[in-house]
Amino acid sequence: AAIALAQKRSAGQVIDIAHEFGSNGELGMASSE
């Protein structure tokens, strides 16, 4: 999930780190699991 976000960011997409690590974000859910 972190690599996928980095790829998006590298492609110019804006990434909301707080959201991604939050309970509904991809990294947050993976971390909880």
PDB file of all heavy atoms in Angstrom:
ATOM      1  N   ALA A   1       0.837  -1.199   0.000  1.00  0.00           N
ATOM      2  CA  ALA A   1       0.000   0.000   0.000  1.00  0.00           C
ATOM      3  C   ALA A   1       0.873   1.251   0.000  1.00  0.00           C
ATOM      4  O   ALA A   1       0.582   2.223  -0.710  1.00  0.00           O
ATOM      5  CB  ALA A   1      -0.939  -0.006   1.210  1.00  0.00           C
ATOM      6  N   ALA A   2       1.961   1.245   0.764  1.00  0.00           N
ATOM      7  CA  ALA A   2       2.870   2.395   0.791  1.00  0.00           C
ATOM      8  C   ALA A   2       3.511   2.612  -0.583  1.00  0.00           C
ATOM      9  O   ALA A   2       3.617   3.745  -1.060  1.00  0.00           O
ATOM     10  CB  ALA A   2       3.947   2.193   1.862  1.00  0.00           C
ATOM     11  N   ILE A   3       3.915   1.539  -1.224  1.00  0.00           N
ATOM     12  CA  ILE A   3       4.527   1.635  -2.550  1.00  0.00           C
ATOM     13  C   ILE A   3       3.508   2.151  -3.567  1.00  0.00           C
ATOM     14  O   ILE A   3       3.822   3.011  -4.399  1.00  0.00           O
ATOM     15  CB  ILE A   3       5.131   0.285  -2.978  1.00  0.00           C
ATOM     16  CG1 ILE A   3       6.368  -0.017  -2.118  1.00  0.00           C
ATOM     17  CG2 ILE A   3       5.490   0.277  -4.465  1.00  0.00           C
ATOM     18  CD1 ILE A   3       6.909  -1.418  -2.249  1.00  0.00           C
ATOM     19  N   ALA A   4       2.269   1.662  -3.492  1.00  0.00           N
ATOM     20  CA  ALA A   4       1.218   2.135  -4.411  1.00  0.00           C
ATOM     21  C   ALA A   4       0.975   3.629  -4.225  1.00  0.00           C
ATOM     22  O   ALA A   4       0.811   4.368  -5.216  1.00  0.00           O
ATOM     23  CB  ALA A   4      -0.067   1.344  -4.182  1.00  0.00           C
ATOM     24  N   LEU A   5       0.982   4.095  -2.983  1.00  0.00           N
ATOM     25  CA  LEU A   5       0.801   5.529  -2.734  1.00  0.00           C
ATOM     26  C   LEU A   5       1.984   6.331  -3.274  1.00  0.00           C
ATOM     27  O   LEU A   5       1.804   7.409  -3.836  1.00  0.00           O
ATOM     28  CB  LEU A   5       0.625   5.795  -1.241  1.00  0.00           C
ATOM     29  CG  LEU A   5      -0.710   5.355  -0.657  1.00  0.00           C
ATOM     30  CD1 LEU A   5      -0.707   5.505   0.853  1.00  0.00           C
ATOM     31  CD2 LEU A   5      -1.849   6.172  -1.267  1.00  0.00           C
ATOM     32  N   ALA A   6       3.178   5.805  -3.103  1.00  0.00           N
ATOM     33  CA  ALA A   6       4.367   6.484  -3.623  1.00  0.00           C
ATOM     34  C   ALA A   6       4.303   6.583  -5.144  1.00  0.00           C
ATOM     35  O   ALA A   6       4.683   7.606  -5.727  1.00  0.00           O
ATOM     36  CB  ALA A   6       5.632   5.746  -3.187  1.00  0.00           C
ATOM     37  N   GLN A   7       3.814   5.540  -5.784  1.00  0.00           N
ATOM     38  CA  GLN A   7       3.676   5.568  -7.240  1.00  0.00           C
ATOM     39  C   GLN A   7       2.663   6.628  -7.670  1.00  0.00           C
ATOM     40  O   GLN A   7       2.888   7.347  -8.637  1.00  0.00           O
ATOM     41  CB  GLN A   7       3.276   4.184  -7.756  1.00  0.00           C
ATOM     42  CG  GLN A   7       4.394   3.174  -7.653  1.00  0.00           C
ATOM     43  CD  GLN A   7       3.948   1.756  -7.927  1.00  0.00           C
ATOM     44  OE1 GLN A   7       2.785   1.395  -7.722  1.00  0.00           O
ATOM     45  NE2 GLN A   7       4.880   0.922  -8.361  1.00  0.00           N
ATOM     46  N   LYS A   8       1.557   6.719  -6.926  1.00  0.00           N
ATOM     47  CA  LYS A   8       0.560   7.753  -7.236  1.00  0.00           C
ATOM     48  C   LYS A   8       1.163   9.141  -7.062  1.00  0.00           C
ATOM     49  O   LYS A   8       0.972  10.018  -7.905  1.00  0.00           O
ATOM     50  CB  LYS A   8      -0.660   7.607  -6.319  1.00  0.00           C
ATOM     51  CG  LYS A   8      -1.523   6.410  -6.635  1.00  0.00           C
ATOM     52  CD  LYS A   8      -2.677   6.318  -5.650  1.00  0.00           C
ATOM     53  CE  LYS A   8      -3.505   5.067  -5.878  1.00  0.00           C
ATOM     54  NZ  LYS A   8      -4.577   4.941  -4.886  1.00  0.00           N
ATOM     55  N   ARG A   9       1.874   9.306  -5.955  1.00  0.00           N
ATOM     56  CA  ARG A   9       2.491  10.609  -5.687  1.00  0.00           C
ATOM     57  C   ARG A   9       3.510  10.942  -6.784  1.00  0.00           C
ATOM     58  O   ARG A   9       3.586  12.073  -7.256  1.00  0.00           O
ATOM     59  CB  ARG A   9       3.157  10.606  -4.331  1.00  0.00           C
ATOM     60  CG  ARG A   9       3.729  11.939  -3.985  1.00  0.00           C
ATOM     61  CD  ARG A   9       4.362  11.943  -2.625  1.00  0.00           C
ATOM     62  NE  ARG A   9       4.448  13.329  -2.246  1.00  0.00           N
ATOM     63  CZ  ARG A   9       4.103  13.835  -1.114  1.00  0.00           C
ATOM     64  NH1 ARG A   9       3.660  13.049  -0.173  1.00  0.00           N
ATOM     65  NH2 ARG A   9       4.209  15.111  -0.882  1.00  0.00           N
ATOM     66  N   SER A  10       4.277   9.960  -7.194  1.00  0.00           N
ATOM     67  CA  SER A  10       5.276  10.132  -8.243  1.00  0.00           C
ATOM     68  C   SER A  10       4.617  10.515  -9.568  1.00  0.00           C
ATOM     69  O   SER A  10       5.192  11.237 -10.374  1.00  0.00           O
ATOM     70  CB  SER A  10       6.067   8.837  -8.399  1.00  0.00           C
ATOM     71  OG  SER A  10       6.932   8.902  -9.472  1.00  0.00           O
ATOM     72  N   ALA A  11       3.389  10.037  -9.773  1.00  0.00           N
ATOM     73  CA  ALA A  11       2.655  10.350 -11.002  1.00  0.00           C
ATOM     74  C   ALA A  11       1.955  11.709 -10.919  1.00  0.00           C
ATOM     75  O   ALA A  11       1.254  12.104 -11.841  1.00  0.00           O
ATOM     76  CB  ALA A  11       1.629   9.253 -11.281  1.00  0.00           C
ATOM     77  N   GLY A  12       2.142  12.405  -9.785  1.00  0.00           N
ATOM     78  CA  GLY A  12       1.582  13.744  -9.658  1.00  0.00           C
ATOM     79  C   GLY A  12       0.301  13.844  -8.855  1.00  0.00           C
ATOM     80  O   GLY A  12      -0.225  14.942  -8.688  1.00  0.00           O
ATOM     81  N   GLN A  13      -0.205  12.731  -8.361  1.00  0.00           N
ATOM     82  CA  GLN A  13      -1.415  12.790  -7.543  1.00  0.00           C
ATOM     83  C   GLN A  13      -1.088  13.311  -6.148  1.00  0.00           C
ATOM     84  O   GLN A  13      -0.012  13.052  -5.611  1.00  0.00           O
ATOM     85  CB  GLN A  13      -2.052  11.408  -7.426  1.00  0.00           C
ATOM     86  CG  GLN A  13      -2.649  10.903  -8.709  1.00  0.00           C
ATOM     87  CD  GLN A  13      -3.341   9.564  -8.507  1.00  0.00           C
ATOM     88  OE1 GLN A  13      -3.663   9.161  -7.397  1.00  0.00           O
ATOM     89  NE2 GLN A  13      -3.563   8.853  -9.602  1.00  0.00           N
ATOM     90  N   VAL A  14      -2.023  14.049  -5.589  1.00  0.00           N
ATOM     91  CA  VAL A  14      -1.860  14.551  -4.224  1.00  0.00           C
ATOM     92  C   VAL A  14      -2.304  13.457  -3.264  1.00  0.00           C
ATOM     93  O   VAL A  14      -3.386  12.878  -3.416  1.00  0.00           O
ATOM     94  CB  VAL A  14      -2.698  15.834  -4.006  1.00  0.00           C
ATOM     95  CG1 VAL A  14      -2.622  16.298  -2.567  1.00  0.00           C
ATOM     96  CG2 VAL A  14      -2.234  16.924  -4.956  1.00  0.00           C
ATOM     97  N   ILE A  15      -1.464  13.165  -2.287  1.00  0.00           N
ATOM     98  CA  ILE A  15      -1.742  12.111  -1.310  1.00  0.00           C
ATOM     99  C   ILE A  15      -1.961  12.758   0.051  1.00  0.00           C
ATOM    100  O   ILE A  15      -1.131  13.547   0.505  1.00  0.00           O
ATOM    101  CB  ILE A  15      -0.559  11.113  -1.227  1.00  0.00           C
ATOM    102  CG1 ILE A  15      -0.247  10.501  -2.582  1.00  0.00           C
ATOM    103  CG2 ILE A  15      -0.808  10.051  -0.176  1.00  0.00           C
ATOM    104  CD1 ILE A  15      -1.342   9.673  -3.178  1.00  0.00           C
ATOM    105  N   ASP A  16      -3.059  12.433   0.688  1.00  0.00           N
ATOM    106  CA  ASP A  16      -3.343  12.908   2.038  1.00  0.00           C
ATOM    107  C   ASP A  16      -2.817  11.853   3.021  1.00  0.00           C
ATOM    108  O   ASP A  16      -3.468  10.846   3.283  1.00  0.00           O
ATOM    109  CB  ASP A  16      -4.845  13.112   2.213  1.00  0.00           C
ATOM    110  CG  ASP A  16      -5.225  13.642   3.583  1.00  0.00           C
ATOM    111  OD1 ASP A  16      -4.356  13.705   4.480  1.00  0.00           O
ATOM    112  OD2 ASP A  16      -6.415  13.985   3.758  1.00  0.00           O
ATOM    113  N   ILE A  17      -1.615  12.095   3.531  1.00  0.00           N
ATOM    114  CA  ILE A  17      -0.951  11.131   4.411  1.00  0.00           C
ATOM    115  C   ILE A  17      -1.795  10.853   5.649  1.00  0.00           C
ATOM    116  O   ILE A  17      -1.948   9.693   6.057  1.00  0.00           O
ATOM    117  CB  ILE A  17       0.455  11.639   4.819  1.00  0.00           C
ATOM    118  CG1 ILE A  17       1.327  11.869   3.592  1.00  0.00           C
ATOM    119  CG2 ILE A  17       1.128  10.677   5.797  1.00  0.00           C
ATOM    120  CD1 ILE A  17       1.628  10.647   2.785  1.00  0.00           C
ATOM    121  N   ALA A  18      -2.364  11.895   6.246  1.00  0.00           N
ATOM    122  CA  ALA A  18      -3.177  11.704   7.458  1.00  0.00           C
ATOM    123  C   ALA A  18      -4.356  10.780   7.170  1.00  0.00           C
ATOM    124  O   ALA A  18      -4.671   9.889   7.967  1.00  0.00           O
ATOM    125  CB  ALA A  18      -3.658  13.054   7.988  1.00  0.00           C
ATOM    126  N   HIS A  19      -5.004  10.976   6.032  1.00  0.00           N
ATOM    127  CA  HIS A  19      -6.130  10.106   5.674  1.00  0.00           C
ATOM    128  C   HIS A  19      -5.657   8.676   5.431  1.00  0.00           C
ATOM    129  O   HIS A  19      -6.281   7.722   5.895  1.00  0.00           O
ATOM    130  CB  HIS A  19      -6.850  10.622   4.425  1.00  0.00           C
ATOM    131  CG  HIS A  19      -7.826   9.628   3.876  1.00  0.00           C
ATOM    132  ND1 HIS A  19      -9.043   9.388   4.468  1.00  0.00           N
ATOM    133  CD2 HIS A  19      -7.730   8.781   2.816  1.00  0.00           C
ATOM    134  CE1 HIS A  19      -9.671   8.423   3.787  1.00  0.00           C
ATOM    135  NE2 HIS A  19      -8.890   8.048   2.781  1.00  0.00           N
ATOM    136  N   GLU A  20      -4.581   8.527   4.685  1.00  0.00           N
ATOM    137  CA  GLU A  20      -4.101   7.186   4.331  1.00  0.00           C
ATOM    138  C   GLU A  20      -3.698   6.370   5.552  1.00  0.00           C
ATOM    139  O   GLU A  20      -3.836   5.157   5.568  1.00  0.00           O
ATOM    140  CB  GLU A  20      -2.936   7.267   3.342  1.00  0.00           C
ATOM    141  CG  GLU A  20      -3.331   7.785   1.982  1.00  0.00           C
ATOM    142  CD  GLU A  20      -4.412   6.958   1.287  1.00  0.00           C
ATOM    143  OE1 GLU A  20      -4.577   5.772   1.596  1.00  0.00           O
ATOM    144  OE2 GLU A  20      -5.091   7.523   0.418  1.00  0.00           O
ATOM    145  N   PHE A  21      -3.190   7.036   6.591  1.00  0.00           N
ATOM    146  CA  PHE A  21      -2.808   6.332   7.814  1.00  0.00           C
ATOM    147  C   PHE A  21      -3.951   6.299   8.833  1.00  0.00           C
ATOM    148  O   PHE A  21      -3.830   5.667   9.871  1.00  0.00           O
ATOM    149  CB  PHE A  21      -1.559   6.958   8.438  1.00  0.00           C
ATOM    150  CG  PHE A  21      -0.292   6.492   7.796  1.00  0.00           C
ATOM    151  CD1 PHE A  21       0.262   7.194   6.737  1.00  0.00           C
ATOM    152  CD2 PHE A  21       0.339   5.346   8.223  1.00  0.00           C
ATOM    153  CE1 PHE A  21       1.429   6.758   6.126  1.00  0.00           C
ATOM    154  CE2 PHE A  21       1.501   4.895   7.622  1.00  0.00           C
ATOM    155  CZ  PHE A  21       2.050   5.608   6.576  1.00  0.00           C
ATOM    156  N   GLY A  22      -5.061   6.974   8.507  1.00  0.00           N
ATOM    157  CA  GLY A  22      -6.232   6.961   9.396  1.00  0.00           C
ATOM    158  C   GLY A  22      -6.979   5.643   9.292  1.00  0.00           C
ATOM    159  O   GLY A  22      -6.652   4.766   8.486  1.00  0.00           O
ATOM    160  N   SER A  23      -8.015   5.506  10.095  1.00  0.00           N
ATOM    161  CA  SER A  23      -8.738   4.230  10.173  1.00  0.00           C
ATOM    162  C   SER A  23      -9.411   3.831   8.861  1.00  0.00           C
ATOM    163  O   SER A  23      -9.631   2.644   8.616  1.00  0.00           O
ATOM    164  CB  SER A  23      -9.767   4.273  11.300  1.00  0.00           C
ATOM    165  OG  SER A  23     -10.679   5.326  11.079  1.00  0.00           O
ATOM    166  N   ASN A  24      -9.736   4.790   7.985  1.00  0.00           N
ATOM    167  CA  ASN A  24     -10.362   4.466   6.704  1.00  0.00           C
ATOM    168  C   ASN A  24      -9.390   4.469   5.537  1.00  0.00           C
ATOM    169  O   ASN A  24      -9.773   4.179   4.411  1.00  0.00           O
ATOM    170  CB  ASN A  24     -11.497   5.451   6.401  1.00  0.00           C
ATOM    171  CG  ASN A  24     -12.649   5.275   7.359  1.00  0.00           C
ATOM    172  OD1 ASN A  24     -12.933   4.173   7.802  1.00  0.00           O
ATOM    173  ND2 ASN A  24     -13.292   6.373   7.723  1.00  0.00           N
ATOM    174  N   GLY A  25      -8.141   4.801   5.802  1.00  0.00           N
ATOM    175  CA  GLY A  25      -7.130   4.829   4.743  1.00  0.00           C
ATOM    176  C   GLY A  25      -6.543   3.458   4.501  1.00  0.00           C
ATOM    177  O   GLY A  25      -6.608   2.561   5.350  1.00  0.00           O
ATOM    178  N   GLU A  26      -5.968   3.310   3.339  1.00  0.00           N
ATOM    179  CA  GLU A  26      -5.399   2.022   2.944  1.00  0.00           C
ATOM    180  C   GLU A  26      -4.309   1.549   3.922  1.00  0.00           C
ATOM    181  O   GLU A  26      -4.297   0.403   4.357  1.00  0.00           O
ATOM    182  CB  GLU A  26      -4.809   2.153   1.540  1.00  0.00           C
ATOM    183  CG  GLU A  26      -4.979   0.922   0.709  1.00  0.00           C
ATOM    184  CD  GLU A  26      -4.535   1.152  -0.723  1.00  0.00           C
ATOM    185  OE1 GLU A  26      -4.850   2.205  -1.304  1.00  0.00           O
ATOM    186  OE2 GLU A  26      -3.857   0.241  -1.227  1.00  0.00           O
ATOM    187  N   LEU A  27      -3.405   2.450   4.267  1.00  0.00           N
ATOM    188  CA  LEU A  27      -2.327   2.080   5.188  1.00  0.00           C
ATOM    189  C   LEU A  27      -2.843   1.889   6.611  1.00  0.00           C
ATOM    190  O   LEU A  27      -2.363   1.026   7.331  1.00  0.00           O
ATOM    191  CB  LEU A  27      -1.217   3.129   5.170  1.00  0.00           C
ATOM    192  CG  LEU A  27      -0.276   2.987   3.987  1.00  0.00           C
ATOM    193  CD1 LEU A  27       0.498   4.256   3.748  1.00  0.00           C
ATOM    194  CD2 LEU A  27       0.669   1.832   4.201  1.00  0.00           C
ATOM    195  N   GLY A  28      -3.802   2.669   7.003  1.00  0.00           N
ATOM    196  CA  GLY A  28      -4.385   2.525   8.329  1.00  0.00           C
ATOM    197  C   GLY A  28      -5.072   1.182   8.497  1.00  0.00           C
ATOM    198  O   GLY A  28      -4.918   0.507   9.531  1.00  0.00           O
ATOM    199  N   MET A  29      -5.811   0.772   7.473  1.00  0.00           N
ATOM    200  CA  MET A  29      -6.494  -0.536   7.539  1.00  0.00           C
ATOM    201  C   MET A  29      -5.483  -1.682   7.525  1.00  0.00           C
ATOM    202  O   MET A  29      -5.625  -2.656   8.263  1.00  0.00           O
ATOM    203  CB  MET A  29      -7.493  -0.665   6.389  1.00  0.00           C
ATOM    204  CG  MET A  29      -8.708   0.232   6.569  1.00  0.00           C
ATOM    205  SD  MET A  29     -10.021  -0.037   5.359  1.00  0.00           S
ATOM    206  CE  MET A  29      -9.295   0.656   3.885  1.00  0.00           C
ATOM    207  N   ALA A  30      -4.445  -1.560   6.701  1.00  0.00           N
ATOM    208  CA  ALA A  30      -3.419  -2.607   6.659  1.00  0.00           C
ATOM    209  C   ALA A  30      -2.693  -2.688   8.000  1.00  0.00           C
ATOM    210  O   ALA A  30      -2.405  -3.779   8.494  1.00  0.00           O
ATOM    211  CB  ALA A  30      -2.436  -2.328   5.528  1.00  0.00           C
ATOM    212  N   SER A  31      -2.422  -1.540   8.594  1.00  0.00           N
ATOM    213  CA  SER A  31      -1.759  -1.505   9.890  1.00  0.00           C
ATOM    214  C   SER A  31      -2.631  -2.144  10.968  1.00  0.00           C
ATOM    215  O   SER A  31      -2.142  -2.920  11.796  1.00  0.00           O
ATOM    216  CB  SER A  31      -1.438  -0.055  10.269  1.00  0.00           C
ATOM    217  OG  SER A  31      -0.902   0.012  11.565  1.00  0.00           O
ATOM    218  N   SER A  32      -3.910  -1.845  10.949  1.00  0.00           N
ATOM    219  CA  SER A  32      -4.835  -2.441  11.927  1.00  0.00           C
ATOM    220  C   SER A  32      -4.879  -3.951  11.793  1.00  0.00           C
ATOM    221  O   SER A  32      -4.898  -4.683  12.792  1.00  0.00           O
ATOM    222  CB  SER A  32      -6.248  -1.872  11.750  1.00  0.00           C
ATOM    223  OG  SER A  32      -6.266  -0.519  12.085  1.00  0.00           O
ATOM    224  N   GLU A  33      -4.875  -4.422  10.562  1.00  0.00           N
ATOM    225  CA  GLU A  33      -4.887  -5.865  10.320  1.00  0.00           C
ATOM    226  C   GLU A  33      -3.606  -6.506  10.863  1.00  0.00           C
ATOM    227  O   GLU A  33      -3.642  -7.565  11.482  1.00  0.00           O
ATOM    228  CB  GLU A  33      -5.025  -6.136   8.817  1.00  0.00           C
ATOM    229  CG  GLU A  33      -5.133  -7.587   8.456  1.00  0.00           C
ATOM    230  CD  GLU A  33      -6.409  -8.254   8.955  1.00  0.00           C
ATOM    231  OE1 GLU A  33      -7.418  -7.569   9.149  1.00  0.00           O
ATOM    232  OE2 GLU A  33      -6.367  -9.483   9.157  1.00  0.00           O
TER     233      GLU A  33
END
